[in-house]
Amino acid sequence: MGMKMVNKRFLAVLVLSLSLITIPFVHASAITSCTLDSDTYDQGEAGYIEVTIYNDENEKIRITELTATINHYYIDGNEYYQKFFTDAVLPIEIPPGESETFTIPFSLPTIIASGYVNVQVRATTEEWRPLLEIWFGSEHPTYQPLLYIESPYKEQLAEQTAINDQLERELDEQTSINQSTTNIMYMLGATTAVFAAMTVLLFLKNRTRAV
């Protein structure tokens, strides 16, 4: 009985080894979606990445690790790396033809440089081999979303722009008031001139009659 079990196990290992040599490698899993919870982030802000992993194999797979590595620069120009892990309790199995969605929370440094930052999302998977009844190391699907860090001066620029716009509106209003005042003065001057001319004419007319 023991010898038969050993021979069966040996045969299974031999078949598995031959299959790995002769059969082309097939992707057992893929990251089909990888999105950030915001379009832009401020320095020191926290967020999360939502990752969907699909099992396109005939056997179940399991996720043993899921990370996001952020390669960024500090304001001092030095390069740094941060690695964040999924908040899910691993390993998690995914049946054939199905997907599972995970989240990876992260937090940014307060002195991170502004601009686009490359994020390397990487999963470690294993595939179930029913012939041997073991989990076999499969592959490492990856994804690279872009994360954008807003400039810390944008808010100051927006405030200054708002102040400038307000000053411009006040200047336009004052210019309009001044123009209206000038027009009224011109009208008063013209009216005064007309009255003066009429007074002179009446005076001359009355004098002529008197003579």
C-alpha atoms as a PDB file:
ATOM      1  CA  MET A   1       0.000   0.000   0.000  1.00  0.00           C
ATOM      2  CA  GLY A   2       2.831   2.373   0.924  1.00  0.00           C
ATOM      3  CA  MET A   3       4.768   1.529  -2.230  1.00  0.00           C
ATOM      4  CA  LYS A   4       1.715   2.175  -4.411  1.00  0.00           C
ATOM      5  CA  MET A   5       1.255   5.582  -2.766  1.00  0.00           C
ATOM      6  CA  VAL A   6       4.919   6.464  -3.391  1.00  0.00           C
ATOM      7  CA  ASN A   7       4.689   5.343  -7.011  1.00  0.00           C
ATOM      8  CA  LYS A   8       1.498   7.371  -7.488  1.00  0.00           C
ATOM      9  CA  ARG A   9       3.124  10.437  -5.988  1.00  0.00           C
ATOM     10  CA  PHE A  10       6.232   9.955  -8.148  1.00  0.00           C
ATOM     11  CA  LEU A  11       4.106   9.543 -11.263  1.00  0.00           C
ATOM     12  CA  ALA A  12       2.178  12.709 -10.442  1.00  0.00           C
ATOM     13  CA  VAL A  13       5.399  14.670  -9.975  1.00  0.00           C
ATOM     14  CA  LEU A  14       6.735  13.289 -13.259  1.00  0.00           C
ATOM     15  CA  VAL A  15       3.549  14.220 -15.140  1.00  0.00           C
ATOM     16  CA  LEU A  16       3.587  17.686 -13.589  1.00  0.00           C
ATOM     17  CA  SER A  17       7.225  18.220 -14.533  1.00  0.00           C
ATOM     18  CA  LEU A  18       6.608  17.119 -18.122  1.00  0.00           C
ATOM     19  CA  SER A  19       3.578  19.357 -18.387  1.00  0.00           C
ATOM     20  CA  LEU A  20       5.580  22.336 -17.200  1.00  0.00           C
ATOM     21  CA  ILE A  21       8.220  21.636 -19.825  1.00  0.00           C
ATOM     22  CA  THR A  22       5.983  20.861 -22.798  1.00  0.00           C
ATOM     23  CA  ILE A  23       2.974  23.121 -22.187  1.00  0.00           C
ATOM     24  CA  PRO A  24       3.426  26.886 -22.779  1.00  0.00           C
ATOM     25  CA  PHE A  25       3.015  29.048 -19.704  1.00  0.00           C
ATOM     26  CA  VAL A  26      -0.531  30.327 -19.318  1.00  0.00           C
ATOM     27  CA  HIS A  27      -1.367  33.413 -17.319  1.00  0.00           C
ATOM     28  CA  ALA A  28      -3.358  32.208 -14.345  1.00  0.00           C
ATOM     29  CA  SER A  29      -4.349  35.650 -13.116  1.00  0.00           C
ATOM     30  CA  ALA A  30      -4.462  39.265 -14.205  1.00  0.00           C
ATOM     31  CA  ILE A  31      -5.101  42.646 -12.622  1.00  0.00           C
ATOM     32  CA  THR A  32      -8.050  43.797 -14.689  1.00  0.00           C
ATOM     33  CA  SER A  33      -8.687  47.055 -12.823  1.00  0.00           C
ATOM     34  CA  CYS A  34      -6.517  49.304 -10.668  1.00  0.00           C
ATOM     35  CA  THR A  35      -7.889  52.726  -9.723  1.00  0.00           C
ATOM     36  CA  LEU A  36      -7.088  55.446  -7.208  1.00  0.00           C
ATOM     37  CA  ASP A  37      -9.804  56.969  -5.033  1.00  0.00           C
ATOM     38  CA  SER A  38      -8.956  60.504  -6.213  1.00  0.00           C
ATOM     39  CA  ASP A  39      -7.615  62.260  -9.300  1.00  0.00           C
ATOM     40  CA  THR A  40      -5.215  64.426  -7.276  1.00  0.00           C
ATOM     41  CA  TYR A  41      -3.682  64.330  -3.803  1.00  0.00           C
ATOM     42  CA  ASP A  42      -2.153  66.913  -1.501  1.00  0.00           C
ATOM     43  CA  GLN A  43       1.076  66.486   0.434  1.00  0.00           C
ATOM     44  CA  GLY A  44       0.493  64.373   3.551  1.00  0.00           C
ATOM     45  CA  GLU A  45      -2.891  63.118   2.304  1.00  0.00           C
ATOM     46  CA  ALA A  46      -4.093  59.510   2.662  1.00  0.00           C
ATOM     47  CA  GLY A  47      -6.002  57.457   0.107  1.00  0.00           C
ATOM     48  CA  TYR A  48      -6.435  53.959  -1.236  1.00  0.00           C
ATOM     49  CA  ILE A  49      -6.036  51.904  -4.411  1.00  0.00           C
ATOM     50  CA  GLU A  50      -8.795  49.529  -5.531  1.00  0.00           C
ATOM     51  CA  VAL A  51      -7.427  46.430  -7.277  1.00  0.00           C
ATOM     52  CA  THR A  52      -9.439  43.734  -9.081  1.00  0.00           C
ATOM     53  CA  ILE A  53      -7.749  40.399  -9.800  1.00  0.00           C
ATOM     54  CA  TYR A  54      -9.257  37.884 -12.236  1.00  0.00           C
ATOM     55  CA  ASN A  55      -8.610  34.126 -12.300  1.00  0.00           C
ATOM     56  CA  ASP A  56      -8.558  32.884 -15.894  1.00  0.00           C
ATOM     57  CA  GLU A  57      -7.290  29.379 -15.052  1.00  0.00           C
ATOM     58  CA  ASN A  58      -9.252  26.120 -14.816  1.00  0.00           C
ATOM     59  CA  GLU A  59      -8.292  25.708 -11.170  1.00  0.00           C
ATOM     60  CA  LYS A  60      -8.657  27.989  -8.199  1.00  0.00           C
ATOM     61  CA  ILE A  61      -5.889  30.392  -7.302  1.00  0.00           C
ATOM     62  CA  ARG A  62      -5.089  32.279  -4.125  1.00  0.00           C
ATOM     63  CA  ILE A  63      -3.590  35.678  -3.468  1.00  0.00           C
ATOM     64  CA  THR A  64      -0.797  35.492  -0.916  1.00  0.00           C
ATOM     65  CA  GLU A  65       0.467  39.081  -1.155  1.00  0.00           C
ATOM     66  CA  LEU A  66      -0.713  42.365  -2.677  1.00  0.00           C
ATOM     67  CA  THR A  67       1.373  45.522  -2.404  1.00  0.00           C
ATOM     68  CA  ALA A  68       1.746  49.005  -3.847  1.00  0.00           C
ATOM     69  CA  THR A  69       5.223  50.530  -4.024  1.00  0.00           C
ATOM     70  CA  ILE A  70       5.454  54.288  -4.502  1.00  0.00           C
ATOM     71  CA  ASN A  71       8.640  55.582  -6.044  1.00  0.00           C
ATOM     72  CA  HIS A  72       8.800  59.309  -5.369  1.00  0.00           C
ATOM     73  CA  TYR A  73      11.051  62.282  -4.709  1.00  0.00           C
ATOM     74  CA  TYR A  74      11.143  64.475  -1.655  1.00  0.00           C
ATOM     75  CA  ILE A  75      11.448  68.241  -1.952  1.00  0.00           C
ATOM     76  CA  ASP A  76      15.170  67.877  -1.227  1.00  0.00           C
ATOM     77  CA  GLY A  77      15.543  65.943  -4.499  1.00  0.00           C
ATOM     78  CA  ASN A  78      16.310  62.542  -2.923  1.00  0.00           C
ATOM     79  CA  GLU A  79      14.513  59.433  -4.148  1.00  0.00           C
ATOM     80  CA  TYR A  80      12.531  57.252  -1.731  1.00  0.00           C
ATOM     81  CA  TYR A  81      10.393  54.126  -1.816  1.00  0.00           C
ATOM     82  CA  GLN A  82       7.315  53.312   0.234  1.00  0.00           C
ATOM     83  CA  LYS A  83       5.555  49.942   0.239  1.00  0.00           C
ATOM     84  CA  PHE A  84       1.937  49.556   1.311  1.00  0.00           C
ATOM     85  CA  PHE A  85       0.006  46.305   1.817  1.00  0.00           C
ATOM     86  CA  THR A  86      -3.614  45.395   1.238  1.00  0.00           C
ATOM     87  CA  ASP A  87      -5.893  45.585   4.259  1.00  0.00           C
ATOM     88  CA  ALA A  88      -7.415  42.190   3.352  1.00  0.00           C
ATOM     89  CA  VAL A  89      -6.530  39.116   5.408  1.00  0.00           C
ATOM     90  CA  LEU A  90      -4.516  36.891   3.054  1.00  0.00           C
ATOM     91  CA  PRO A  91      -4.420  34.353   1.525  1.00  0.00           C
ATOM     92  CA  ILE A  92      -7.739  34.711  -0.294  1.00  0.00           C
ATOM     93  CA  GLU A  93      -8.853  32.144  -2.862  1.00  0.00           C
ATOM     94  CA  ILE A  94     -10.438  33.046  -6.221  1.00  0.00           C
ATOM     95  CA  PRO A  95     -12.438  30.333  -8.060  1.00  0.00           C
ATOM     96  CA  PRO A  96     -11.887  29.799 -11.812  1.00  0.00           C
ATOM     97  CA  GLY A  97     -13.397  32.512 -13.989  1.00  0.00           C
ATOM     98  CA  GLU A  98     -14.129  34.827 -11.079  1.00  0.00           C
ATOM     99  CA  SER A  99     -12.668  38.072  -9.746  1.00  0.00           C
ATOM    100  CA  GLU A 100     -11.899  39.508  -6.336  1.00  0.00           C
ATOM    101  CA  THR A 101     -11.482  43.179  -5.435  1.00  0.00           C
ATOM    102  CA  PHE A 102      -8.991  44.407  -2.845  1.00  0.00           C
ATOM    103  CA  THR A 103      -8.010  47.784  -1.415  1.00  0.00           C
ATOM    104  CA  ILE A 104      -4.535  49.041  -0.573  1.00  0.00           C
ATOM    105  CA  PRO A 105      -4.534  52.041   1.789  1.00  0.00           C
ATOM    106  CA  PHE A 106      -1.614  54.477   1.577  1.00  0.00           C
ATOM    107  CA  SER A 107      -0.467  57.781   3.044  1.00  0.00           C
ATOM    108  CA  LEU A 108       1.812  60.356   1.441  1.00  0.00           C
ATOM    109  CA  PRO A 109       4.688  62.211   3.119  1.00  0.00           C
ATOM    110  CA  THR A 110       4.170  65.882   3.950  1.00  0.00           C
ATOM    111  CA  ILE A 111       7.285  66.899   2.004  1.00  0.00           C
ATOM    112  CA  ILE A 112       6.719  64.800  -1.106  1.00  0.00           C
ATOM    113  CA  ALA A 113       7.497  66.669  -4.326  1.00  0.00           C
ATOM    114  CA  SER A 114       4.551  67.669  -6.519  1.00  0.00           C
ATOM    115  CA  GLY A 115       3.866  66.127  -9.917  1.00  0.00           C
ATOM    116  CA  TYR A 116       3.155  62.633 -11.249  1.00  0.00           C
ATOM    117  CA  VAL A 117       4.298  59.632  -9.202  1.00  0.00           C
ATOM    118  CA  ASN A 118       4.628  56.081 -10.496  1.00  0.00           C
ATOM    119  CA  VAL A 119       2.912  53.380  -8.409  1.00  0.00           C
ATOM    120  CA  GLN A 120       3.884  49.717  -8.818  1.00  0.00           C
ATOM    121  CA  VAL A 121       1.005  47.431  -7.806  1.00  0.00           C
ATOM    122  CA  ARG A 122       2.057  43.779  -7.552  1.00  0.00           C
ATOM    123  CA  ALA A 123       0.231  40.600  -6.557  1.00  0.00           C
ATOM    124  CA  THR A 124       1.707  37.215  -5.640  1.00  0.00           C
ATOM    125  CA  THR A 125      -0.481  34.263  -6.619  1.00  0.00           C
ATOM    126  CA  GLU A 126      -0.471  30.498  -6.263  1.00  0.00           C
ATOM    127  CA  GLU A 127      -2.409  27.936  -8.318  1.00  0.00           C
ATOM    128  CA  TRP A 128      -4.003  24.811  -6.904  1.00  0.00           C
ATOM    129  CA  ARG A 129      -2.723  21.552  -8.431  1.00  0.00           C
ATOM    130  CA  PRO A 130      -5.365  18.894  -7.672  1.00  0.00           C
ATOM    131  CA  LEU A 131      -3.187  16.061  -8.960  1.00  0.00           C
ATOM    132  CA  LEU A 132      -0.633  16.702  -6.246  1.00  0.00           C
ATOM    133  CA  GLU A 133      -3.036  18.450  -3.867  1.00  0.00           C
ATOM    134  CA  ILE A 134      -0.617  21.295  -3.341  1.00  0.00           C
ATOM    135  CA  TRP A 135      -0.440  25.032  -4.041  1.00  0.00           C
ATOM    136  CA  PHE A 136       2.079  25.811  -6.756  1.00  0.00           C
ATOM    137  CA  GLY A 137       3.751  29.216  -7.190  1.00  0.00           C
ATOM    138  CA  SER A 138       2.125  30.846 -10.180  1.00  0.00           C
ATOM    139  CA  GLU A 139       2.951  34.419 -11.251  1.00  0.00           C
ATOM    140  CA  HIS A 140       3.058  38.051 -10.223  1.00  0.00           C
ATOM    141  CA  PRO A 141       0.535  40.217 -12.114  1.00  0.00           C
ATOM    142  CA  THR A 142       1.369  43.926 -11.972  1.00  0.00           C
ATOM    143  CA  TYR A 143      -0.197  47.284 -12.757  1.00  0.00           C
ATOM    144  CA  GLN A 144       1.189  50.830 -12.808  1.00  0.00           C
ATOM    145  CA  PRO A 145      -1.325  53.601 -12.091  1.00  0.00           C
ATOM    146  CA  LEU A 146      -0.163  57.224 -12.037  1.00  0.00           C
ATOM    147  CA  LEU A 147      -0.677  59.272  -8.896  1.00  0.00           C
ATOM    148  CA  TYR A 148      -0.677  63.078  -9.095  1.00  0.00           C
ATOM    149  CA  ILE A 149       0.548  65.272  -6.225  1.00  0.00           C
ATOM    150  CA  GLU A 150      -0.874  68.792  -6.241  1.00  0.00           C
ATOM    151  CA  SER A 151       1.526  71.719  -5.872  1.00  0.00           C
ATOM    152  CA  PRO A 152       1.397  73.281  -2.370  1.00  0.00           C
ATOM    153  CA  TYR A 153       1.394  76.707  -4.022  1.00  0.00           C
ATOM    154  CA  LYS A 154      -1.801  76.098  -5.978  1.00  0.00           C
ATOM    155  CA  GLU A 155      -3.998  77.190  -3.067  1.00  0.00           C
ATOM    156  CA  GLN A 156      -1.952  80.353  -2.566  1.00  0.00           C
ATOM    157  CA  LEU A 157      -2.151  81.045  -6.293  1.00  0.00           C
ATOM    158  CA  ALA A 158      -5.929  80.536  -6.231  1.00  0.00           C
ATOM    159  CA  GLU A 159      -6.268  82.942  -3.282  1.00  0.00           C
ATOM    160  CA  GLN A 160      -4.113  85.571  -4.982  1.00  0.00           C
ATOM    161  CA  THR A 161      -6.064  85.167  -8.221  1.00  0.00           C
ATOM    162  CA  ALA A 162      -9.334  85.647  -6.306  1.00  0.00           C
ATOM    163  CA  ILE A 163      -7.930  88.811  -4.671  1.00  0.00           C
ATOM    164  CA  ASN A 164      -6.776  90.149  -8.046  1.00  0.00           C
ATOM    165  CA  ASP A 165     -10.175  89.424  -9.583  1.00  0.00           C
ATOM    166  CA  GLN A 166     -11.891  91.283  -6.719  1.00  0.00           C
ATOM    167  CA  LEU A 167      -9.582  94.269  -7.116  1.00  0.00           C
ATOM    168  CA  GLU A 168     -10.209  94.283 -10.854  1.00  0.00           C
ATOM    169  CA  ARG A 169     -13.978  94.257 -10.301  1.00  0.00           C
ATOM    170  CA  GLU A 170     -13.691  97.133  -7.808  1.00  0.00           C
ATOM    171  CA  LEU A 171     -11.523  99.076 -10.265  1.00  0.00           C
ATOM    172  CA  ASP A 172     -14.069  98.504 -13.042  1.00  0.00           C
ATOM    173  CA  GLU A 173     -16.865  99.703 -10.743  1.00  0.00           C
ATOM    174  CA  GLN A 174     -14.877 102.804  -9.769  1.00  0.00           C
ATOM    175  CA  THR A 175     -14.068 103.517 -13.410  1.00  0.00           C
ATOM    176  CA  SER A 176     -17.748 103.161 -14.267  1.00  0.00           C
ATOM    177  CA  ILE A 177     -18.688 105.549 -11.438  1.00  0.00           C
ATOM    178  CA  ASN A 178     -16.082 108.063 -12.565  1.00  0.00           C
ATOM    179  CA  GLN A 179     -17.309 107.848 -16.141  1.00  0.00           C
ATOM    180  CA  SER A 180     -20.904 108.409 -15.018  1.00  0.00           C
ATOM    181  CA  THR A 181     -19.827 111.401 -12.923  1.00  0.00           C
ATOM    182  CA  THR A 182     -17.925 112.863 -15.873  1.00  0.00           C
ATOM    183  CA  ASN A 183     -20.944 112.421 -18.139  1.00  0.00           C
ATOM    184  CA  ILE A 184     -23.195 114.148 -15.596  1.00  0.00           C
ATOM    185  CA  MET A 185     -20.760 117.057 -15.331  1.00  0.00           C
ATOM    186  CA  TYR A 186     -20.698 117.396 -19.118  1.00  0.00           C
ATOM    187  CA  MET A 187     -24.509 117.409 -19.185  1.00  0.00           C
ATOM    188  CA  LEU A 188     -24.669 120.018 -16.418  1.00  0.00           C
ATOM    189  CA  GLY A 189     -22.121 122.158 -18.246  1.00  0.00           C
ATOM    190  CA  ALA A 190     -24.035 121.907 -21.483  1.00  0.00           C
ATOM    191  CA  THR A 191     -27.314 122.722 -19.722  1.00  0.00           C
ATOM    192  CA  THR A 192     -25.729 125.711 -18.005  1.00  0.00           C
ATOM    193  CA  ALA A 193     -24.379 126.961 -21.323  1.00  0.00           C
ATOM    194  CA  VAL A 194     -27.818 126.658 -22.923  1.00  0.00           C
ATOM    195  CA  PHE A 195     -29.455 128.571 -20.079  1.00  0.00           C
ATOM    196  CA  ALA A 196     -26.783 131.239 -20.273  1.00  0.00           C
ATOM    197  CA  ALA A 197     -27.294 131.614 -24.017  1.00  0.00           C
ATOM    198  CA  MET A 198     -31.043 131.857 -23.585  1.00  0.00           C
ATOM    199  CA  THR A 199     -30.615 134.472 -20.870  1.00  0.00           C
ATOM    200  CA  VAL A 200     -28.406 136.581 -23.126  1.00  0.00           C
ATOM    201  CA  LEU A 201     -30.876 136.283 -25.969  1.00  0.00           C
ATOM    202  CA  LEU A 202     -33.808 137.315 -23.776  1.00  0.00           C
ATOM    203  CA  PHE A 203     -31.822 140.219 -22.394  1.00  0.00           C
ATOM    204  CA  LEU A 204     -30.945 141.453 -25.876  1.00  0.00           C
ATOM    205  CA  LYS A 205     -34.522 140.997 -27.064  1.00  0.00           C
ATOM    206  CA  ASN A 206     -35.961 142.948 -24.145  1.00  0.00           C
ATOM    207  CA  ARG A 207     -33.389 145.729 -24.614  1.00  0.00           C
ATOM    208  CA  THR A 208     -34.271 145.991 -28.288  1.00  0.00           C
ATOM    209  CA  ARG A 209     -37.965 146.415 -27.457  1.00  0.00           C
ATOM    210  CA  ALA A 210     -37.163 149.046 -24.892  1.00  0.00           C
ATOM    211  CA  VAL A 211     -35.299 151.106 -27.419  1.00  0.00           C
END
